[in-house]
C-alpha atoms as a PDB file:
ATOM      1  CA  MET A   1       3.730  28.551  -6.725  1.00  0.00           C
ATOM      2  CA  ARG A   2       6.219  25.721  -7.088  1.00  0.00           C
ATOM      3  CA  GLU A   3       5.910  21.978  -6.848  1.00  0.00           C
ATOM      4  CA  LEU A   4       7.801  20.382  -3.950  1.00  0.00           C
ATOM      5  CA  THR A   5       9.330  17.806  -6.277  1.00  0.00           C
ATOM      6  CA  HIS A   6      11.887  16.533  -3.761  1.00  0.00           C
ATOM      7  CA  ASP A   7       9.443  15.911  -0.943  1.00  0.00           C
ATOM      8  CA  PRO A   8       9.942  12.339   0.354  1.00  0.00           C
ATOM      9  CA  PHE A   9       6.196  11.699  -0.004  1.00  0.00           C
ATOM     10  CA  TYR A  10       6.599  11.236  -3.761  1.00  0.00           C
ATOM     11  CA  GLU A  11       9.148   8.490  -3.255  1.00  0.00           C
ATOM     12  CA  LEU A  12       6.856   6.792  -0.729  1.00  0.00           C
ATOM     13  CA  ILE A  13       3.938   6.750  -3.211  1.00  0.00           C
ATOM     14  CA  ASP A  14       6.086   5.633  -6.153  1.00  0.00           C
ATOM     15  CA  LYS A  15       7.859   2.798  -4.327  1.00  0.00           C
ATOM     16  CA  GLN A  16       5.332   1.448  -1.840  1.00  0.00           C
ATOM     17  CA  TYR A  17       1.991   2.358  -3.450  1.00  0.00           C
ATOM     18  CA  ASP A  18       2.654   2.137  -7.153  1.00  0.00           C
ATOM     19  CA  ARG A  19      -0.881   0.848  -7.822  1.00  0.00           C
ATOM     20  CA  CYS A  20      -2.385   4.036  -6.430  1.00  0.00           C
ATOM     21  CA  VAL A  21      -4.326   5.907  -9.154  1.00  0.00           C
ATOM     22  CA  ILE A  22      -4.486   9.239  -7.320  1.00  0.00           C
ATOM     23  CA  ASP A  23      -2.315  11.995  -8.747  1.00  0.00           C
ATOM     24  CA  TYR A  24      -0.783  13.934  -5.833  1.00  0.00           C
ATOM     25  CA  CYS A  25       0.735  17.383  -6.241  1.00  0.00           C
ATOM     26  CA  LEU A  26       2.503  19.077  -3.315  1.00  0.00           C
ATOM     27  CA  ILE A  27       2.773  22.828  -3.738  1.00  0.00           C
ATOM     28  CA  ALA A  28       4.553  25.659  -1.955  1.00  0.00           C
ATOM     29  CA  PRO A  29       2.639  28.947  -2.295  1.00  0.00           C
ATOM     30  CA  ASP A  30       4.461  32.112  -3.301  1.00  0.00           C
ATOM     31  CA  MET A  31       1.920  34.490  -1.746  1.00  0.00           C
ATOM     32  CA  PRO A  32       0.122  34.726   1.601  1.00  0.00           C
ATOM     33  CA  TYR A  33      -2.870  32.459   1.990  1.00  0.00           C
ATOM     34  CA  ARG A  34      -6.058  34.018   0.570  1.00  0.00           C
ATOM     35  CA  GLY A  35      -8.679  31.341   1.171  1.00  0.00           C
ATOM     36  CA  ILE A  36     -10.594  29.919  -1.801  1.00  0.00           C
ATOM     37  CA  ARG A  37      -8.641  32.093  -4.235  1.00  0.00           C
ATOM     38  CA  SER A  38      -5.411  30.363  -3.202  1.00  0.00           C
ATOM     39  CA  HIS A  39      -7.081  26.953  -3.502  1.00  0.00           C
ATOM     40  CA  ARG A  40      -8.225  27.845  -7.032  1.00  0.00           C
ATOM     41  CA  GLU A  41      -4.686  28.795  -8.007  1.00  0.00           C
ATOM     42  CA  ALA A  42      -3.351  25.573  -6.498  1.00  0.00           C
ATOM     43  CA  VAL A  43      -5.818  23.374  -8.401  1.00  0.00           C
ATOM     44  CA  LEU A  44      -5.013  25.099 -11.729  1.00  0.00           C
ATOM     45  CA  PHE A  45      -1.286  24.764 -10.993  1.00  0.00           C
ATOM     46  CA  ALA A  46      -1.729  21.062 -10.177  1.00  0.00           C
ATOM     47  CA  ILE A  47      -3.730  20.133 -13.297  1.00  0.00           C
ATOM     48  CA  LEU A  48      -1.121  21.833 -15.479  1.00  0.00           C
ATOM     49  CA  LYS A  49       1.593  19.893 -13.697  1.00  0.00           C
ATOM     50  CA  MET A  50      -0.318  16.642 -14.263  1.00  0.00           C
ATOM     51  CA  ILE A  51      -0.652  17.386 -17.966  1.00  0.00           C
ATOM     52  CA  GLU A  52       3.052  18.168 -18.110  1.00  0.00           C
ATOM     53  CA  ARG A  53       3.854  14.837 -16.414  1.00  0.00           C
ATOM     54  CA  TYR A  54       1.714  12.916 -18.890  1.00  0.00           C
ATOM     55  CA  LEU A  55       3.276  14.679 -21.851  1.00  0.00           C
ATOM     56  CA  VAL A  56       6.784  13.831 -20.614  1.00  0.00           C
ATOM     57  CA  GLU A  57       5.683  10.240 -20.024  1.00  0.00           C
ATOM     58  CA  GLN A  58       4.215   9.987 -23.523  1.00  0.00           C
ATOM     59  CA  ARG A  59       7.335  11.490 -25.120  1.00  0.00           C
ATOM     60  CA  THR A  60       9.632   9.161 -23.170  1.00  0.00           C
ATOM     61  CA  SER A  61       7.543   6.086 -24.025  1.00  0.00           C
ATOM     62  CA  GLU A  62       7.463   6.923 -27.745  1.00  0.00           C
ATOM     63  CA  GLU A  63      11.189   7.583 -27.876  1.00  0.00           C
ATOM     64  CA  ARG A  64      11.817   4.239 -26.215  1.00  0.00           C
ATOM     65  CA  TRP A  65       9.452   2.125 -28.297  1.00  0.00           C
ATOM     66  CA  THR A  66       9.208   3.762 -31.712  1.00  0.00           C
ATOM     67  CA  GLU A  67      11.690   4.946 -34.267  1.00  0.00           C
ATOM     68  CA  LYS A  68       9.687   8.023 -35.118  1.00  0.00           C
ATOM     69  CA  VAL A  69       8.173  10.151 -32.404  1.00  0.00           C
ATOM     70  CA  LYS A  70       4.626  11.228 -33.184  1.00  0.00           C
ATOM     71  CA  ASP A  71       3.867  14.905 -33.276  1.00  0.00           C
ATOM     72  CA  ASP A  72       0.293  14.469 -32.054  1.00  0.00           C
ATOM     73  CA  PHE A  73      -0.222  14.498 -28.300  1.00  0.00           C
ATOM     74  CA  PHE A  74      -3.435  13.843 -26.454  1.00  0.00           C
ATOM     75  CA  PRO A  75      -5.696  16.895 -26.963  1.00  0.00           C
ATOM     76  CA  TRP A  76      -5.907  18.117 -23.352  1.00  0.00           C
ATOM     77  CA  SER A  77      -8.653  20.600 -22.624  1.00  0.00           C
ATOM     78  CA  LEU A  78      -9.407  22.905 -19.692  1.00  0.00           C
ATOM     79  CA  ASP A  79     -12.308  25.183 -18.944  1.00  0.00           C
ATOM     80  CA  PHE A  80     -11.305  26.087 -15.409  1.00  0.00           C
ATOM     81  CA  GLY A  81     -13.906  28.818 -15.171  1.00  0.00           C
ATOM     82  CA  LYS A  82     -16.465  26.029 -14.757  1.00  0.00           C
ATOM     83  CA  ALA A  83     -14.730  24.563 -11.689  1.00  0.00           C
ATOM     84  CA  GLN A  84     -16.802  24.946  -8.509  1.00  0.00           C
ATOM     85  CA  ALA A  85     -15.774  24.061  -4.990  1.00  0.00           C
ATOM     86  CA  HIS A  86     -17.297  23.578  -1.582  1.00  0.00           C
ATOM     87  CA  ARG A  87     -15.527  23.284   1.739  1.00  0.00           C
ATOM     88  CA  ILE A  88     -15.613  19.877   3.445  1.00  0.00           C
ATOM     89  CA  ASP A  89     -14.774  18.682   6.938  1.00  0.00           C
ATOM     90  CA  PRO A  90     -11.130  17.581   7.155  1.00  0.00           C
ATOM     91  CA  GLU A  91     -12.069  14.721   9.507  1.00  0.00           C
ATOM     92  CA  GLU A  92     -14.572  13.418   6.976  1.00  0.00           C
ATOM     93  CA  PHE A  93     -12.047  13.828   4.169  1.00  0.00           C
ATOM     94  CA  LEU A  94      -9.496  11.679   6.068  1.00  0.00           C
ATOM     95  CA  PHE A  95     -12.117   9.122   7.129  1.00  0.00           C
ATOM     96  CA  VAL A  96     -10.696   5.578   7.252  1.00  0.00           C
ATOM     97  CA  PRO A  97     -13.224   2.798   6.714  1.00  0.00           C
ATOM     98  CA  THR A  98     -13.178  -0.415   8.667  1.00  0.00           C
ATOM     99  CA  VAL A  99     -13.048  -3.748   6.861  1.00  0.00           C
ATOM    100  CA  VAL A 100     -16.222  -5.619   7.773  1.00  0.00           C
ATOM    101  CA  ARG A 101     -15.307  -8.784   5.901  1.00  0.00           C
ATOM    102  CA  LYS A 102     -13.452 -10.118   2.916  1.00  0.00           C
ATOM    103  CA  ILE A 103     -15.348 -11.992   0.253  1.00  0.00           C
ATOM    104  CA  LYS A 104     -14.447 -14.495  -2.431  1.00  0.00           C
ATOM    105  CA  GLY A 105     -11.979 -13.195  -4.982  1.00  0.00           C
ATOM    106  CA  GLY A 106     -10.281 -10.820  -2.530  1.00  0.00           C
ATOM    107  CA  SER A 107     -12.954  -8.147  -2.557  1.00  0.00           C
ATOM    108  CA  VAL A 108     -13.517  -6.218   0.665  1.00  0.00           C
ATOM    109  CA  ILE A 109     -16.704  -4.988   2.296  1.00  0.00           C
ATOM    110  CA  TYR A 110     -16.320  -1.774   4.323  1.00  0.00           C
ATOM    111  CA  ASP A 111     -18.489  -0.157   6.972  1.00  0.00           C
ATOM    112  CA  ARG A 112     -19.164   2.677   4.523  1.00  0.00           C
ATOM    113  CA  THR A 113     -21.153   2.306   1.328  1.00  0.00           C
ATOM    114  CA  ASP A 114     -19.480   2.805  -2.042  1.00  0.00           C
ATOM    115  CA  PRO A 115     -20.360   6.020  -3.864  1.00  0.00           C
ATOM    116  CA  ASP A 116     -23.211   5.949  -6.366  1.00  0.00           C
ATOM    117  CA  ILE A 117     -21.396   7.170  -9.503  1.00  0.00           C
ATOM    118  CA  ASP A 118     -24.544   6.832 -11.637  1.00  0.00           C
ATOM    119  CA  ALA A 119     -26.261   9.291  -9.333  1.00  0.00           C
ATOM    120  CA  GLY A 120     -23.460  11.798  -9.784  1.00  0.00           C
ATOM    121  CA  GLU A 121     -21.726  11.227  -6.476  1.00  0.00           C
ATOM    122  CA  GLN A 122     -18.007  11.961  -6.452  1.00  0.00           C
ATOM    123  CA  ILE A 123     -15.821   9.360  -4.918  1.00  0.00           C
ATOM    124  CA  PRO A 124     -14.447   9.919  -1.393  1.00  0.00           C
ATOM    125  CA  TYR A 125     -10.722   9.993  -0.768  1.00  0.00           C
ATOM    126  CA  TRP A 126     -10.667   6.618   0.987  1.00  0.00           C
ATOM    127  CA  TYR A 127     -12.426   4.997  -1.992  1.00  0.00           C
ATOM    128  CA  ALA A 128      -9.993   6.541  -4.484  1.00  0.00           C
ATOM    129  CA  PHE A 129      -7.062   5.124  -2.524  1.00  0.00           C
ATOM    130  CA  LEU A 130      -8.439   1.700  -1.497  1.00  0.00           C
ATOM    131  CA  GLU A 131     -10.653   0.768  -4.461  1.00  0.00           C
ATOM    132  CA  PRO A 132      -8.911   1.589  -7.775  1.00  0.00           C
ATOM    133  CA  PRO A 133     -10.390   0.042 -10.943  1.00  0.00           C
ATOM    134  CA  GLN A 134      -7.649  -2.559 -11.105  1.00  0.00           C
ATOM    135  CA  TRP A 135      -7.036  -4.742  -8.096  1.00  0.00           C
ATOM    136  CA  SER A 136      -4.969  -3.331  -5.220  1.00  0.00           C
ATOM    137  CA  ASP A 137      -3.880  -4.807  -1.905  1.00  0.00           C
ATOM    138  CA  HIS A 138      -3.846  -1.453  -0.119  1.00  0.00           C
ATOM    139  CA  THR A 139      -5.377  -1.585   3.337  1.00  0.00           C
ATOM    140  CA  PRO A 140      -6.869   0.983   5.705  1.00  0.00           C
ATOM    141  CA  ASP A 141      -3.531   0.897   7.582  1.00  0.00           C
ATOM    142  CA  ASP A 142      -1.780   1.843   4.334  1.00  0.00           C
ATOM    143  CA  PHE A 143      -4.218   4.742   3.963  1.00  0.00           C
ATOM    144  CA  ARG A 144      -3.477   5.906   7.505  1.00  0.00           C
ATOM    145  CA  HIS A 145       0.274   5.635   6.849  1.00  0.00           C
ATOM    146  CA  VAL A 146       0.111   7.675   3.620  1.00  0.00           C
ATOM    147  CA  ASN A 147      -1.936  10.397   5.280  1.00  0.00           C
ATOM    148  CA  GLY A 148       0.298  10.445   8.351  1.00  0.00           C
ATOM    149  CA  VAL A 149       3.231  11.251   6.084  1.00  0.00           C
ATOM    150  CA  LEU A 150       1.267  13.664   3.910  1.00  0.00           C
ATOM    151  CA  PHE A 151      -0.517  15.523   6.735  1.00  0.00           C
ATOM    152  CA  PRO A 152       1.728  15.064   9.807  1.00  0.00           C
ATOM    153  CA  GLU A 153      -0.176  17.586  11.943  1.00  0.00           C
ATOM    154  CA  GLY A 154      -3.513  15.827  11.368  1.00  0.00           C
ATOM    155  CA  ALA A 155      -6.914  17.136  10.368  1.00  0.00           C
ATOM    156  CA  ASP A 156      -6.901  20.177  12.685  1.00  0.00           C
ATOM    157  CA  ALA A 157      -4.257  21.840  10.499  1.00  0.00           C
ATOM    158  CA  LEU A 158      -6.205  21.408   7.265  1.00  0.00           C
ATOM    159  CA  GLU A 159      -8.672  23.346   5.167  1.00  0.00           C
ATOM    160  CA  VAL A 160     -10.170  21.127   2.464  1.00  0.00           C
ATOM    161  CA  PHE A 161     -12.194  21.937  -0.655  1.00  0.00           C
ATOM    162  CA  GLU A 162     -13.810  19.399  -2.964  1.00  0.00           C
ATOM    163  CA  TRP A 163     -14.062  20.477  -6.618  1.00  0.00           C
ATOM    164  CA  THR A 164     -16.370  19.591  -9.443  1.00  0.00           C
ATOM    165  CA  THR A 165     -14.795  17.549 -12.244  1.00  0.00           C
ATOM    166  CA  ASP A 166     -16.588  18.792 -15.346  1.00  0.00           C
ATOM    167  CA  TRP A 167     -13.925  21.287 -16.412  1.00  0.00           C
ATOM    168  CA  SER A 168     -11.180  19.127 -17.989  1.00  0.00           C
ATOM    169  CA  ASN A 169     -10.969  16.012 -20.129  1.00  0.00           C
ATOM    170  CA  TYR A 170      -8.454  14.717 -17.549  1.00  0.00           C
ATOM    171  CA  PHE A 171     -11.586  13.439 -15.819  1.00  0.00           C
ATOM    172  CA  ASP A 172     -13.253  11.813 -18.860  1.00  0.00           C
ATOM    173  CA  ALA A 173     -12.036   8.283 -18.109  1.00  0.00           C
ATOM    174  CA  GLY A 174     -13.474   8.328 -14.581  1.00  0.00           C
ATOM    175  CA  HIS A 175     -16.763   9.735 -15.770  1.00  0.00           C
ATOM    176  CA  GLU A 176     -17.182   6.531 -17.822  1.00  0.00           C
ATOM    177  CA  TRP A 177     -17.353   4.244 -14.826  1.00  0.00           C
ATOM    178  CA  TRP A 178     -15.086   4.314 -11.735  1.00  0.00           C
ATOM    179  CA  GLY A 179     -15.497   7.923 -10.735  1.00  0.00           C
ATOM    180  CA  THR A 180     -13.620  11.159 -10.399  1.00  0.00           C
ATOM    181  CA  ALA A 181     -12.439  13.457  -7.668  1.00  0.00           C
ATOM    182  CA  CYS A 182     -10.515  16.642  -7.078  1.00  0.00           C
ATOM    183  CA  TRP A 183      -9.530  18.056  -3.709  1.00  0.00           C
ATOM    184  CA  SER A 184      -7.337  20.923  -2.614  1.00  0.00           C
ATOM    185  CA  ILE A 185      -5.969  20.868   0.917  1.00  0.00           C
ATOM    186  CA  TYR A 186      -4.162  23.710   2.615  1.00  0.00           C
ATOM    187  CA  ASP A 187      -1.963  22.689   5.552  1.00  0.00           C
ATOM    188  CA  LYS A 188      -1.714  25.721   7.858  1.00  0.00           C
ATOM    189  CA  CYS A 189       1.165  24.252   9.871  1.00  0.00           C
ATOM    190  CA  LEU A 190       3.338  23.416   6.844  1.00  0.00           C
ATOM    191  CA  ASP A 191       2.057  26.371   4.738  1.00  0.00           C
ATOM    192  CA  ARG A 192       1.618  24.168   1.697  1.00  0.00           C
ATOM    193  CA  PHE A 193      -1.097  22.851  -0.586  1.00  0.00           C
ATOM    194  CA  VAL A 194      -1.765  19.277  -1.532  1.00  0.00           C
ATOM    195  CA  VAL A 195      -3.983  18.793  -4.586  1.00  0.00           C
ATOM    196  CA  LEU A 196      -5.367  15.324  -5.272  1.00  0.00           C
ATOM    197  CA  LEU A 197      -6.800  14.392  -8.652  1.00  0.00           C
ATOM    198  CA  ALA A 198      -8.382  11.040  -9.457  1.00  0.00           C
ATOM    199  CA  SER A 199      -9.892   9.695 -12.664  1.00  0.00           C
ATOM    200  CA  ALA A 200      -9.636   6.151 -13.959  1.00  0.00           C
ATOM    201  CA  THR A 201     -11.566   3.395 -15.681  1.00  0.00           C
ATOM    202  CA  ASP A 202     -11.079  -0.298 -16.438  1.00  0.00           C
END
């Protein structure tokens, strides 16, 4: 597998949606599609890429702001054998809520209830994009635009799995409060995977 690092989607997210807390990883497979096994390989590939990104970011930040670079990095942990997945409906995955009304302070009420994190519910994709812990002005139209670029053939071309998030400390921050999510999406028309990881807190 290899990351599609030059895909224009990354530039779109970085420039227009820099407050987005979802980590996207676009992946080209190097073997024929094998169902859930391929999804499992894609998720493992993606989490390792995310860790690599964070390590590079930490190293760059320390070199910029300190005279001496620390040797101790965040102690990442993985127990990927614990990761479980279930297939979900692509239409439901790409669901776009409608804004019912805006309330004082800029908050928005949607026609879909927020997930109950305390009850163990994982956050849906729309919530991860539209309701990050820190304020965002992303709208349902932005969400449609991002997904139109990311999945140009629409939901019919997709196979989507939602994964548990108890297998890496990448998700620890989100378990504290805001929520966590992990999805793997195979696009049959483009023959590529998109893995989405989300974990954040205030």
